[in-house]
Amino acid sequence: MTDFSHFNEQGRAKMVDISEKQTTARTATAKTSIQVNQETYEKITNHKMKKGDVLAVAQVAGVMAAKKTSDWIPMCHPLSLSGVDIQFEWTKQPDTYELIIEVQVKTKGQTGVEMEALTAASATALTVYDMSKAIDKGMVIGETYLVSKTGGKSGDFSREEK
């Protein structure tokens, strides 16, 4: 069991010790999406949703989720985030509208912010669903993935997007 980084000598879960890691500037960008029907799209974009401004609330939920990622993911270190930015873009698909959600998270620290970006993207999409489900229970949350990350020992990563 001791070959695993997140288990101690007794085979029990542990948080990895990062005290010897170098502090560097780190960023991570994640994306997800949610498909909605035309009525939902129109109500969101025209601010006619009964629960209020869907994207504003979803954006706040995403920021809050990034800040609380270590509460959700057991071995995640609590981080002091430098910034969280959430962008939205609508695209029209043949039978639906798709909201693309892109999140960028920044910190200066000893570990990366990939999980914070992915958690924020997920919470943002879930909040759109929650605020819109009275109209459209058939919404589909799409793939959630890391677009890029910078900083740290493992170096930079950038996914080639389609």
Protein backbone atom coordinates (compact mmCIF):
# COMPACT_ATOMS: atom_id res chain seq x y z
CA MET A 1 0.00 0.00 0.00
CA THR A 2 2.85 2.45 0.61
CA ASP A 3 3.43 2.86 -3.14
CA PHE A 4 0.32 5.05 -3.31
CA SER A 5 0.86 8.76 -2.70
CA HIS A 6 -2.43 9.26 -0.83
CA PHE A 7 -2.03 6.35 1.61
CA ASN A 8 0.19 6.13 4.68
CA GLU A 9 2.29 3.17 5.86
CA GLN A 10 -0.80 1.63 7.47
CA GLY A 11 -2.72 1.75 4.18
CA ARG A 12 -4.92 4.60 5.39
CA ALA A 13 -5.87 7.67 3.37
CA LYS A 14 -3.75 10.76 3.89
CA MET A 15 -3.41 14.24 2.44
CA VAL A 16 -0.11 14.55 0.59
CA ASP A 17 2.48 16.76 2.30
CA ILE A 18 3.25 19.70 0.01
CA SER A 19 5.33 21.67 2.51
CA GLU A 20 8.53 21.13 0.50
CA LYS A 21 6.99 22.09 -2.85
CA GLN A 22 7.91 25.42 -4.40
CA THR A 23 5.33 28.22 -4.43
CA THR A 24 4.56 29.22 -8.02
CA ALA A 25 1.85 31.03 -9.95
CA ARG A 26 -0.70 28.49 -11.11
CA THR A 27 -3.75 28.64 -13.34
CA ALA A 28 -6.32 26.15 -14.56
CA THR A 29 -9.10 26.50 -17.11
CA ALA A 30 -12.02 24.06 -17.28
CA LYS A 31 -15.07 23.83 -19.49
CA THR A 32 -18.48 22.25 -19.36
CA SER A 33 -21.83 22.88 -21.02
CA ILE A 34 -25.54 22.50 -20.53
CA GLN A 35 -28.11 21.99 -23.27
CA VAL A 36 -31.51 23.63 -22.84
CA ASN A 37 -34.65 23.90 -24.91
CA GLN A 38 -35.65 27.08 -26.75
CA GLU A 39 -38.09 28.27 -24.07
CA THR A 40 -35.42 27.97 -21.37
CA TYR A 41 -32.85 29.72 -23.56
CA GLU A 42 -35.23 32.61 -24.23
CA LYS A 43 -36.22 33.00 -20.58
CA ILE A 44 -32.60 32.94 -19.41
CA THR A 45 -31.33 35.38 -22.04
CA ASN A 46 -34.29 37.74 -21.65
CA HIS A 47 -34.15 37.63 -17.82
CA LYS A 48 -37.69 36.24 -17.62
CA MET A 49 -36.94 33.24 -15.41
CA LYS A 50 -39.16 33.22 -12.32
CA LYS A 51 -36.22 32.45 -10.00
CA GLY A 52 -34.22 35.45 -11.24
CA ASP A 53 -31.03 36.03 -13.21
CA VAL A 54 -29.90 32.46 -13.85
CA LEU A 55 -26.41 33.25 -15.12
CA ALA A 56 -25.64 35.71 -12.33
CA VAL A 57 -26.62 33.17 -9.68
CA ALA A 58 -24.76 30.37 -11.49
CA GLN A 59 -21.65 32.53 -11.68
CA VAL A 60 -21.71 33.19 -7.94
CA ALA A 61 -22.29 29.46 -7.30
CA GLY A 62 -19.24 28.65 -9.43
CA VAL A 63 -17.04 31.09 -7.52
CA MET A 64 -18.28 29.72 -4.20
CA ALA A 65 -17.64 26.15 -5.36
CA ALA A 66 -14.06 26.98 -6.38
CA LYS A 67 -13.45 28.44 -2.92
CA LYS A 68 -14.93 25.35 -1.20
CA THR A 69 -13.43 22.60 -3.37
CA SER A 70 -11.43 21.11 -0.50
CA ASP A 71 -14.75 20.61 1.34
CA TRP A 72 -16.00 18.42 -1.54
CA ILE A 73 -12.88 16.54 -2.66
CA PRO A 74 -11.39 14.61 0.28
CA MET A 75 -7.65 14.89 -0.46
CA CYS A 76 -7.76 18.39 -1.96
CA HIS A 77 -5.73 21.04 -0.13
CA PRO A 78 -7.56 24.22 0.94
CA LEU A 79 -6.16 26.99 -1.25
CA SER A 80 -6.06 30.75 -1.18
CA LEU A 81 -7.35 31.63 -4.62
CA SER A 82 -6.15 34.75 -6.42
CA GLY A 83 -9.03 34.85 -8.87
CA VAL A 84 -11.97 32.96 -10.36
CA ASP A 85 -13.44 34.06 -13.70
CA ILE A 86 -16.48 32.41 -15.29
CA GLN A 87 -17.44 33.14 -18.91
CA PHE A 88 -20.61 32.09 -20.77
CA GLU A 89 -21.20 31.58 -24.50
CA TRP A 90 -24.41 30.38 -26.16
CA THR A 91 -24.37 28.20 -29.28
CA LYS A 92 -27.34 26.97 -31.29
CA GLN A 93 -27.49 23.24 -31.93
CA PRO A 94 -30.00 21.60 -34.32
CA ASP A 95 -32.69 20.94 -31.67
CA THR A 96 -31.38 22.79 -28.65
CA TYR A 97 -29.30 25.66 -27.29
CA GLU A 98 -26.01 24.97 -25.56
CA LEU A 99 -24.49 27.16 -22.88
CA ILE A 100 -20.70 26.78 -22.85
CA ILE A 101 -19.24 27.49 -19.41
CA GLU A 102 -15.54 28.29 -19.13
CA VAL A 103 -13.85 28.80 -15.77
CA GLN A 104 -10.35 30.09 -15.06
CA VAL A 105 -8.89 29.86 -11.56
CA LYS A 106 -5.60 31.38 -10.37
CA THR A 107 -3.44 31.08 -7.28
CA LYS A 108 0.11 31.39 -6.05
CA GLY A 109 0.76 28.24 -4.14
CA GLN A 110 2.31 24.84 -3.72
CA THR A 111 -0.36 22.85 -5.53
CA GLY A 112 -2.49 23.35 -8.63
CA VAL A 113 -6.02 24.61 -9.09
CA GLU A 114 -7.31 22.05 -11.59
CA MET A 115 -9.86 20.65 -9.14
CA GLU A 116 -11.08 24.14 -8.26
CA ALA A 117 -11.69 24.95 -11.94
CA LEU A 118 -13.47 21.64 -12.58
CA THR A 119 -15.58 21.97 -9.43
CA ALA A 120 -16.56 25.54 -10.31
CA ALA A 121 -17.58 24.52 -13.84
CA SER A 122 -19.70 21.67 -12.49
CA ALA A 123 -21.42 23.79 -9.84
CA THR A 124 -22.14 26.51 -12.40
CA ALA A 125 -23.87 24.02 -14.73
CA LEU A 126 -25.77 22.42 -11.85
CA THR A 127 -27.04 25.83 -10.75
CA VAL A 128 -28.30 26.60 -14.26
CA TYR A 129 -30.12 23.28 -14.12
CA ASP A 130 -31.54 23.98 -10.66
CA MET A 131 -32.82 27.42 -11.61
CA SER A 132 -34.34 26.20 -14.89
CA LYS A 133 -35.73 22.76 -14.03
CA ALA A 134 -39.30 24.02 -13.60
CA ILE A 135 -39.38 24.65 -17.36
CA ASP A 136 -37.03 21.99 -18.72
CA LYS A 137 -36.22 18.81 -16.80
CA GLY A 138 -34.63 17.37 -19.95
CA MET A 139 -31.53 19.58 -19.83
CA VAL A 140 -28.24 17.76 -20.39
CA ILE A 141 -25.00 18.72 -18.70
CA GLY A 142 -22.15 18.00 -21.09
CA GLU A 143 -18.60 16.86 -20.79
CA THR A 144 -16.57 18.58 -18.10
CA TYR A 145 -12.85 18.74 -18.74
CA LEU A 146 -9.58 20.54 -18.08
CA VAL A 147 -8.66 22.84 -20.96
CA SER A 148 -5.28 23.94 -19.65
CA LYS A 149 -3.13 24.41 -16.60
CA THR A 150 0.09 26.28 -15.88
CA GLY A 151 2.68 26.13 -13.13
CA GLY A 152 4.01 23.45 -10.87
CA LYS A 153 6.45 20.60 -11.12
CA SER A 154 4.52 18.71 -13.81
CA GLY A 155 4.63 21.75 -16.11
CA ASP A 156 2.00 23.19 -18.38
CA PHE A 157 -0.85 21.32 -20.06
CA SER A 158 -3.05 22.39 -22.92
CA ARG A 159 -5.79 20.25 -24.47
CA GLU A 160 -6.27 20.51 -28.20
CA GLU A 161 -9.89 21.51 -28.56
CA LYS A 162 -12.05 20.40 -31.46
